[in-house]
């Protein structure tokens, strides 16, 4: 009986050891995947909050995140700032599309950096130009251009 118990133990031990190793590997992979997904979720939440803060004043965004009712606010004095890029059409005509995008991005970054320390709600409106694809062909009609 002692020999058979030793033989059974000798056969079962490697199986238990391999099973334990496989379970350990699975748990480690699961934990790694969970950590990666959590980090991705944090990044996505941060992006969503940044977008929300671009669309709404921070105080309103905070209240909405807490599922609170947002009351309209009244101010006795406000300042409204309008700006324009003088000569934008001529500037844009002499640049590549990428240069125009870089110029506008630099202007926005500069403006945003300057107003960061103030409690400012910025509304962005671009009215300079609209673009489209010319030269394509619709399968439902005549050529878009000749």
N, C-alpha and C. Protein backbone atom coordinates (compact mmCIF):
# COMPACT_ATOMS: atom_id res chain seq x y z
N UNK A 1 0.81 -1.21 0.00
CA UNK A 1 0.00 0.00 0.00
C UNK A 1 0.85 1.27 0.00
N UNK A 2 1.96 1.20 0.73
CA UNK A 2 2.80 2.38 0.81
C UNK A 2 3.42 2.70 -0.55
N UNK A 3 3.80 1.72 -1.28
CA UNK A 3 4.41 1.90 -2.60
C UNK A 3 3.37 2.44 -3.57
N UNK A 4 2.15 1.91 -3.50
CA UNK A 4 1.12 2.40 -4.42
C UNK A 4 0.76 3.85 -4.11
N UNK A 5 0.73 4.22 -2.84
CA UNK A 5 0.47 5.62 -2.46
C UNK A 5 1.58 6.51 -2.96
N UNK A 6 2.81 6.05 -2.86
CA UNK A 6 3.95 6.80 -3.36
C UNK A 6 3.89 6.92 -4.88
N UNK A 7 3.48 5.88 -5.56
CA UNK A 7 3.36 5.91 -7.01
C UNK A 7 2.26 6.87 -7.45
N UNK A 8 1.12 6.81 -6.76
CA UNK A 8 0.01 7.72 -7.08
C UNK A 8 0.43 9.16 -6.83
N UNK A 9 1.08 9.39 -5.72
CA UNK A 9 1.55 10.73 -5.40
C UNK A 9 2.55 11.21 -6.44
N UNK A 10 3.43 10.32 -6.85
CA UNK A 10 4.42 10.66 -7.88
C UNK A 10 3.77 10.99 -9.21
N UNK A 11 2.64 10.38 -9.51
CA UNK A 11 1.92 10.67 -10.76
C UNK A 11 1.08 11.95 -10.66
N UNK A 12 0.47 12.14 -9.51
CA UNK A 12 -0.43 13.29 -9.33
C UNK A 12 0.35 14.59 -9.13
N UNK A 13 1.45 14.55 -8.43
CA UNK A 13 2.22 15.76 -8.12
C UNK A 13 2.56 16.57 -9.37
N UNK A 14 3.10 15.98 -10.45
CA UNK A 14 3.41 16.78 -11.64
C UNK A 14 2.15 17.40 -12.26
N UNK A 15 1.05 16.64 -12.22
CA UNK A 15 -0.20 17.17 -12.78
C UNK A 15 -0.67 18.38 -11.98
N UNK A 16 -0.64 18.28 -10.66
CA UNK A 16 -1.03 19.40 -9.79
C UNK A 16 -0.09 20.57 -10.00
N UNK A 17 1.19 20.31 -10.12
CA UNK A 17 2.18 21.36 -10.32
C UNK A 17 1.95 22.10 -11.64
N UNK A 18 1.71 21.35 -12.71
CA UNK A 18 1.44 21.96 -14.02
C UNK A 18 0.14 22.75 -13.97
N UNK A 19 -0.88 22.18 -13.35
CA UNK A 19 -2.17 22.88 -13.23
C UNK A 19 -2.01 24.18 -12.44
N UNK A 20 -1.26 24.11 -11.35
CA UNK A 20 -1.02 25.30 -10.54
C UNK A 20 -0.28 26.37 -11.33
N UNK A 21 0.73 25.95 -12.11
CA UNK A 21 1.48 26.89 -12.95
C UNK A 21 0.56 27.53 -13.99
N UNK A 22 -0.29 26.73 -14.64
CA UNK A 22 -1.21 27.26 -15.63
C UNK A 22 -2.20 28.25 -15.01
N UNK A 23 -2.71 27.93 -13.82
CA UNK A 23 -3.62 28.84 -13.13
C UNK A 23 -2.91 30.13 -12.75
N UNK A 24 -1.68 30.01 -12.29
CA UNK A 24 -0.90 31.20 -11.92
C UNK A 24 -0.66 32.08 -13.15
N UNK A 25 -0.28 31.46 -14.27
CA UNK A 25 -0.08 32.22 -15.51
C UNK A 25 -1.37 32.90 -15.95
N UNK A 26 -2.48 32.19 -15.86
CA UNK A 26 -3.77 32.76 -16.25
C UNK A 26 -4.12 33.97 -15.37
N UNK A 27 -3.91 33.83 -14.07
CA UNK A 27 -4.20 34.93 -13.14
C UNK A 27 -3.31 36.14 -13.43
N UNK A 28 -2.03 35.89 -13.71
CA UNK A 28 -1.11 36.99 -14.02
C UNK A 28 -1.50 37.68 -15.32
N UNK A 29 -1.87 36.90 -16.34
CA UNK A 29 -2.31 37.49 -17.60
C UNK A 29 -3.60 38.28 -17.41
N UNK A 30 -4.51 37.75 -16.62
CA UNK A 30 -5.77 38.43 -16.34
C UNK A 30 -5.50 39.75 -15.61
N UNK A 31 -4.61 39.73 -14.63
CA UNK A 31 -4.27 40.94 -13.89
C UNK A 31 -3.61 41.96 -14.80
N UNK A 32 -2.74 41.52 -15.68
CA UNK A 32 -2.08 42.42 -16.63
C UNK A 32 -3.10 43.05 -17.58
N UNK A 33 -4.01 42.21 -18.09
CA UNK A 33 -5.06 42.70 -18.99
C UNK A 33 -5.98 43.69 -18.26
N UNK A 34 -6.31 43.38 -17.03
CA UNK A 34 -7.15 44.26 -16.22
C UNK A 34 -6.46 45.60 -15.97
N UNK A 35 -5.17 45.56 -15.68
CA UNK A 35 -4.40 46.79 -15.48
C UNK A 35 -4.38 47.63 -16.76
N UNK A 36 -4.13 46.99 -17.91
CA UNK A 36 -4.11 47.71 -19.18
C UNK A 36 -5.46 48.33 -19.50
N UNK A 37 -6.52 47.58 -19.27
CA UNK A 37 -7.87 48.11 -19.54
C UNK A 37 -8.21 49.26 -18.60
N UNK A 38 -7.77 49.15 -17.36
CA UNK A 38 -8.01 50.23 -16.40
C UNK A 38 -7.28 51.50 -16.82
N UNK A 39 -6.04 51.36 -17.26
CA UNK A 39 -5.28 52.52 -17.74
C UNK A 39 -5.94 53.12 -18.98
N UNK A 40 -6.41 52.28 -19.88
CA UNK A 40 -7.11 52.76 -21.08
C UNK A 40 -8.38 53.49 -20.69
N UNK A 41 -9.11 52.95 -19.74
CA UNK A 41 -10.34 53.59 -19.26
C UNK A 41 -10.03 54.95 -18.64
N UNK A 42 -8.94 55.04 -17.87
CA UNK A 42 -8.55 56.32 -17.28
C UNK A 42 -8.21 57.34 -18.36
N UNK A 43 -7.50 56.90 -19.41
CA UNK A 43 -7.17 57.81 -20.52
C UNK A 43 -8.42 58.28 -21.24
N UNK A 44 -9.34 57.36 -21.48
CA UNK A 44 -10.59 57.71 -22.17
C UNK A 44 -11.42 58.67 -21.32
N UNK A 45 -11.45 58.44 -20.02
CA UNK A 45 -12.21 59.33 -19.13
C UNK A 45 -11.59 60.73 -19.13
N UNK A 46 -10.26 60.77 -19.11
CA UNK A 46 -9.56 62.06 -19.13
C UNK A 46 -9.88 62.81 -20.43
N UNK A 47 -9.87 62.10 -21.56
CA UNK A 47 -10.21 62.73 -22.84
C UNK A 47 -11.65 63.23 -22.84
N UNK A 48 -12.57 62.44 -22.29
CA UNK A 48 -13.97 62.84 -22.23
C UNK A 48 -14.14 64.08 -21.34
N UNK A 49 -13.44 64.12 -20.22
CA UNK A 49 -13.52 65.28 -19.33
C UNK A 49 -12.92 66.52 -20.00
N UNK A 50 -11.81 66.35 -20.71
CA UNK A 50 -11.23 67.48 -21.45
C UNK A 50 -12.21 68.02 -22.47
N UNK A 51 -12.87 67.12 -23.19
CA UNK A 51 -13.86 67.54 -24.19
C UNK A 51 -15.03 68.25 -23.52
N UNK A 52 -15.49 67.72 -22.41
CA UNK A 52 -16.59 68.35 -21.68
C UNK A 52 -16.21 69.75 -21.22
N UNK A 53 -14.96 69.92 -20.75
CA UNK A 53 -14.51 71.24 -20.30
C UNK A 53 -14.31 72.20 -21.46
N UNK A 54 -14.12 71.68 -22.67
CA UNK A 54 -14.03 72.56 -23.83
C UNK A 54 -15.40 73.04 -24.26
N UNK A 55 -16.43 72.25 -23.97
CA UNK A 55 -17.77 72.60 -24.41
C UNK A 55 -18.55 73.38 -23.36
N UNK A 56 -18.23 73.19 -22.09
CA UNK A 56 -18.99 73.81 -21.01
C UNK A 56 -18.05 74.44 -19.99
N UNK A 57 -18.54 75.45 -19.27
CA UNK A 57 -17.72 75.99 -18.16
C UNK A 57 -17.44 74.88 -17.14
N UNK A 58 -16.28 74.97 -16.48
CA UNK A 58 -15.86 73.92 -15.54
C UNK A 58 -16.88 73.71 -14.43
N UNK A 59 -17.47 74.81 -13.92
CA UNK A 59 -18.44 74.67 -12.83
C UNK A 59 -19.66 73.87 -13.29
N UNK A 60 -20.11 74.09 -14.51
CA UNK A 60 -21.26 73.36 -15.05
C UNK A 60 -20.88 71.89 -15.25
N UNK A 61 -19.71 71.65 -15.80
CA UNK A 61 -19.25 70.28 -16.03
C UNK A 61 -19.17 69.51 -14.71
N UNK A 62 -18.66 70.16 -13.66
CA UNK A 62 -18.56 69.52 -12.34
C UNK A 62 -19.94 69.11 -11.82
N UNK A 63 -20.90 70.03 -11.95
CA UNK A 63 -22.25 69.75 -11.46
C UNK A 63 -22.90 68.62 -12.27
N UNK A 64 -22.71 68.62 -13.57
CA UNK A 64 -23.28 67.57 -14.40
C UNK A 64 -22.66 66.21 -14.08
N UNK A 65 -21.34 66.19 -13.81
CA UNK A 65 -20.68 64.93 -13.46
C UNK A 65 -21.24 64.35 -12.17
N UNK A 66 -21.68 65.23 -11.27
CA UNK A 66 -22.26 64.78 -9.99
C UNK A 66 -23.76 64.55 -10.11
N UNK A 67 -24.29 64.62 -11.35
CA UNK A 67 -25.71 64.42 -11.62
C UNK A 67 -26.57 65.44 -10.89
N UNK A 68 -26.07 66.67 -10.74
CA UNK A 68 -26.82 67.73 -10.08
C UNK A 68 -27.51 68.59 -11.13
N UNK A 69 -28.57 69.25 -10.70
CA UNK A 69 -29.28 70.19 -11.56
C UNK A 69 -28.43 71.44 -11.72
N UNK A 70 -28.32 71.95 -12.92
CA UNK A 70 -27.50 73.12 -13.18
C UNK A 70 -28.40 74.34 -13.33
N UNK A 71 -28.22 75.28 -12.43
CA UNK A 71 -29.00 76.53 -12.48
C UNK A 71 -28.32 77.51 -13.40
N UNK A 72 -29.11 78.28 -14.13
CA UNK A 72 -28.56 79.34 -14.97
C UNK A 72 -27.95 80.40 -14.06
N UNK A 73 -26.82 80.96 -14.48
CA UNK A 73 -26.15 81.97 -13.67
C UNK A 73 -26.34 83.34 -14.30
N UNK A 74 -26.37 84.35 -13.45
CA UNK A 74 -26.53 85.72 -13.90
C UNK A 74 -25.33 86.53 -13.42
N UNK A 75 -24.77 87.33 -14.32
CA UNK A 75 -23.61 88.16 -13.98
C UNK A 75 -23.95 89.62 -14.26
N UNK A 76 -23.58 90.49 -13.32
CA UNK A 76 -23.83 91.91 -13.52
C UNK A 76 -22.91 92.49 -14.59
N UNK A 77 -21.70 91.99 -14.67
CA UNK A 77 -20.75 92.49 -15.66
C UNK A 77 -20.04 91.32 -16.33
N UNK A 78 -19.88 91.42 -17.62
CA UNK A 78 -19.13 90.41 -18.36
C UNK A 78 -18.29 91.10 -19.41
N UNK A 79 -17.30 90.41 -19.87
CA UNK A 79 -16.48 90.90 -20.98
C UNK A 79 -16.58 89.87 -22.09
N UNK A 80 -16.85 90.34 -23.27
CA UNK A 80 -16.90 89.46 -24.43
C UNK A 80 -15.77 89.88 -25.36
N UNK A 81 -14.96 88.92 -25.74
CA UNK A 81 -13.80 89.19 -26.57
C UNK A 81 -13.99 88.53 -27.93
N UNK A 82 -13.88 89.31 -28.98
CA UNK A 82 -13.91 88.77 -30.34
C UNK A 82 -12.54 89.02 -30.95
N UNK A 83 -12.08 88.06 -31.72
CA UNK A 83 -10.79 88.27 -32.37
C UNK A 83 -10.88 87.80 -33.81
N UNK A 84 -9.96 88.27 -34.60
CA UNK A 84 -9.93 87.92 -36.02
C UNK A 84 -8.47 87.89 -36.45
N UNK A 85 -8.17 87.06 -37.42
CA UNK A 85 -6.84 87.05 -38.00
C UNK A 85 -6.92 87.94 -39.24
N UNK A 86 -6.38 89.13 -39.11
CA UNK A 86 -6.43 90.08 -40.22
C UNK A 86 -5.60 89.55 -41.38
N UNK A 87 -6.20 89.52 -42.56
CA UNK A 87 -5.50 89.03 -43.74
C UNK A 87 -5.43 87.52 -43.83
N UNK A 88 -6.32 86.84 -43.12
CA UNK A 88 -6.26 85.38 -43.07
C UNK A 88 -6.33 84.76 -44.47
N UNK A 89 -7.21 85.26 -45.30
CA UNK A 89 -7.37 84.68 -46.63
C UNK A 89 -6.08 84.76 -47.43
N UNK A 90 -5.42 85.91 -47.38
CA UNK A 90 -4.16 86.07 -48.11
C UNK A 90 -3.06 85.19 -47.50
N UNK A 91 -3.04 85.12 -46.18
CA UNK A 91 -2.03 84.29 -45.50
C UNK A 91 -2.25 82.82 -45.88
N UNK A 92 -3.50 82.37 -45.79
CA UNK A 92 -3.81 80.98 -46.08
C UNK A 92 -3.52 80.63 -47.54
N UNK A 93 -3.73 81.59 -48.44
CA UNK A 93 -3.49 81.33 -49.86
C UNK A 93 -2.00 81.11 -50.15
N UNK A 94 -1.14 81.68 -49.31
CA UNK A 94 0.29 81.54 -49.55
C UNK A 94 0.92 80.38 -48.77
N UNK A 95 0.10 79.60 -48.08
CA UNK A 95 0.60 78.49 -47.25
C UNK A 95 0.03 77.16 -47.74
N UNK A 96 0.71 76.10 -47.32
CA UNK A 96 0.16 74.77 -47.56
C UNK A 96 -0.94 74.53 -46.52
N UNK A 97 -1.84 73.58 -46.77
CA UNK A 97 -2.88 73.29 -45.77
C UNK A 97 -2.30 72.95 -44.39
N UNK A 98 -1.21 72.20 -44.37
CA UNK A 98 -0.59 71.85 -43.09
C UNK A 98 -0.06 73.09 -42.37
N UNK A 99 0.50 74.03 -43.11
CA UNK A 99 0.99 75.26 -42.49
C UNK A 99 -0.16 76.06 -41.90
N UNK A 100 -1.30 76.08 -42.58
CA UNK A 100 -2.48 76.79 -42.07
C UNK A 100 -2.94 76.16 -40.76
N UNK A 101 -3.01 74.83 -40.76
CA UNK A 101 -3.43 74.12 -39.55
C UNK A 101 -2.45 74.38 -38.41
N UNK A 102 -1.16 74.34 -38.69
CA UNK A 102 -0.14 74.59 -37.66
C UNK A 102 -0.26 76.02 -37.13
N UNK A 103 -0.48 76.99 -38.03
CA UNK A 103 -0.61 78.39 -37.61
C UNK A 103 -1.82 78.55 -36.69
N UNK A 104 -2.96 78.00 -37.09
CA UNK A 104 -4.17 78.11 -36.26
C UNK A 104 -4.00 77.40 -34.93
N UNK A 105 -3.35 76.23 -34.95
CA UNK A 105 -3.11 75.51 -33.71
C UNK A 105 -2.22 76.33 -32.77
N UNK A 106 -1.18 76.93 -33.31
CA UNK A 106 -0.29 77.76 -32.50
C UNK A 106 -1.04 78.95 -31.91
N UNK A 107 -1.93 79.56 -32.69
CA UNK A 107 -2.72 80.68 -32.18
C UNK A 107 -3.62 80.23 -31.03
N UNK A 108 -4.30 79.08 -31.21
CA UNK A 108 -5.17 78.57 -30.16
C UNK A 108 -4.38 78.22 -28.90
N UNK A 109 -3.24 77.56 -29.06
CA UNK A 109 -2.41 77.19 -27.90
C UNK A 109 -1.95 78.44 -27.16
N UNK A 110 -1.51 79.45 -27.90
CA UNK A 110 -1.06 80.70 -27.29
C UNK A 110 -2.21 81.36 -26.52
N UNK A 111 -3.36 81.46 -27.15
CA UNK A 111 -4.52 82.07 -26.51
C UNK A 111 -4.93 81.27 -25.28
N UNK A 112 -5.02 79.96 -25.40
CA UNK A 112 -5.41 79.11 -24.27
C UNK A 112 -4.43 79.24 -23.11
N UNK A 113 -3.15 79.31 -23.42
CA UNK A 113 -2.13 79.45 -22.37
C UNK A 113 -2.30 80.77 -21.62
N UNK A 114 -2.61 81.82 -22.35
CA UNK A 114 -2.77 83.14 -21.71
C UNK A 114 -3.99 83.21 -20.80
N UNK A 115 -5.09 82.54 -21.18
CA UNK A 115 -6.32 82.66 -20.40
C UNK A 115 -6.46 81.59 -19.32
N UNK A 116 -5.50 80.65 -19.25
CA UNK A 116 -5.59 79.55 -18.29
C UNK A 116 -5.72 80.02 -16.84
N UNK A 117 -5.06 81.10 -16.49
CA UNK A 117 -5.05 81.53 -15.10
C UNK A 117 -6.29 82.34 -14.72
N UNK A 118 -7.18 82.59 -15.68
CA UNK A 118 -8.41 83.34 -15.41
C UNK A 118 -9.59 82.39 -15.49
N UNK A 119 -10.67 82.75 -14.83
CA UNK A 119 -11.87 81.94 -14.93
C UNK A 119 -12.63 82.37 -16.17
N UNK A 120 -12.27 81.76 -17.28
CA UNK A 120 -12.79 82.16 -18.58
C UNK A 120 -13.49 80.98 -19.22
N UNK A 121 -14.62 81.27 -19.82
CA UNK A 121 -15.29 80.25 -20.64
C UNK A 121 -15.09 80.65 -22.08
N UNK A 122 -14.36 79.84 -22.80
CA UNK A 122 -14.01 80.15 -24.18
C UNK A 122 -14.94 79.43 -25.13
N UNK A 123 -15.51 80.18 -26.04
CA UNK A 123 -16.32 79.59 -27.10
C UNK A 123 -15.55 79.80 -28.39
N UNK A 124 -15.22 78.72 -29.05
CA UNK A 124 -14.47 78.82 -30.29
C UNK A 124 -15.40 78.78 -31.49
N UNK A 125 -15.16 79.65 -32.42
CA UNK A 125 -15.95 79.67 -33.64
C UNK A 125 -15.01 79.96 -34.79
N UNK A 126 -14.97 79.07 -35.74
CA UNK A 126 -14.13 79.28 -36.91
C UNK A 126 -15.05 79.51 -38.10
N UNK A 127 -14.89 80.64 -38.76
CA UNK A 127 -15.76 80.96 -39.88
C UNK A 127 -14.96 81.27 -41.13
N UNK A 128 -13.71 80.89 -41.16
CA UNK A 128 -12.84 81.31 -42.25
C UNK A 128 -13.14 80.64 -43.57
N UNK A 129 -13.26 79.33 -43.60
CA UNK A 129 -13.39 78.67 -44.89
C UNK A 129 -14.03 77.30 -44.74
N UNK A 130 -14.55 76.81 -45.84
CA UNK A 130 -15.07 75.44 -45.89
C UNK A 130 -14.42 74.76 -47.09
N UNK A 131 -14.21 73.49 -47.01
CA UNK A 131 -13.54 72.81 -48.11
C UNK A 131 -14.29 71.56 -48.51
N UNK A 132 -13.88 70.99 -49.60
CA UNK A 132 -14.51 69.78 -50.07
C UNK A 132 -13.64 69.11 -51.10
N UNK A 133 -14.08 67.97 -51.58
CA UNK A 133 -13.34 67.23 -52.59
C UNK A 133 -13.95 67.53 -53.94
N UNK A 134 -13.12 67.93 -54.88
CA UNK A 134 -13.58 68.20 -56.23
C UNK A 134 -12.88 67.22 -57.15
N UNK A 135 -13.61 66.72 -58.11
CA UNK A 135 -13.01 65.81 -59.07
C UNK A 135 -13.44 64.38 -58.85
N UNK A 136 -14.16 64.13 -57.78
CA UNK A 136 -14.67 62.79 -57.55
C UNK A 136 -15.84 62.52 -58.48
N UNK A 137 -16.29 61.32 -58.54
CA UNK A 137 -17.41 60.98 -59.42
C UNK A 137 -18.43 60.20 -58.61
N UNK A 138 -19.66 60.68 -58.64
CA UNK A 138 -20.75 60.00 -57.95
C UNK A 138 -21.29 58.91 -58.86
N UNK A 139 -21.64 57.80 -58.29
CA UNK A 139 -22.21 56.72 -59.10
C UNK A 139 -23.66 57.02 -59.46
N UNK A 140 -24.25 58.06 -58.85
CA UNK A 140 -25.66 58.38 -59.09
C UNK A 140 -25.85 59.59 -59.99
N UNK A 141 -24.79 60.20 -60.49
CA UNK A 141 -24.99 61.39 -61.28
C UNK A 141 -23.80 61.73 -62.12
N UNK A 142 -23.81 62.95 -62.68
CA UNK A 142 -22.71 63.38 -63.54
C UNK A 142 -21.45 63.69 -62.75
N UNK A 143 -20.31 63.86 -63.43
CA UNK A 143 -19.06 64.18 -62.72
C UNK A 143 -19.23 65.44 -61.87
N UNK A 144 -18.52 65.51 -60.75
CA UNK A 144 -18.58 66.68 -59.89
C UNK A 144 -17.86 67.87 -60.48
N UNK A 145 -16.87 67.64 -61.35
CA UNK A 145 -16.17 68.72 -62.02
C UNK A 145 -15.72 68.25 -63.39
N UNK A 146 -15.39 69.19 -64.22
CA UNK A 146 -14.90 68.85 -65.57
C UNK A 146 -13.57 69.52 -65.82
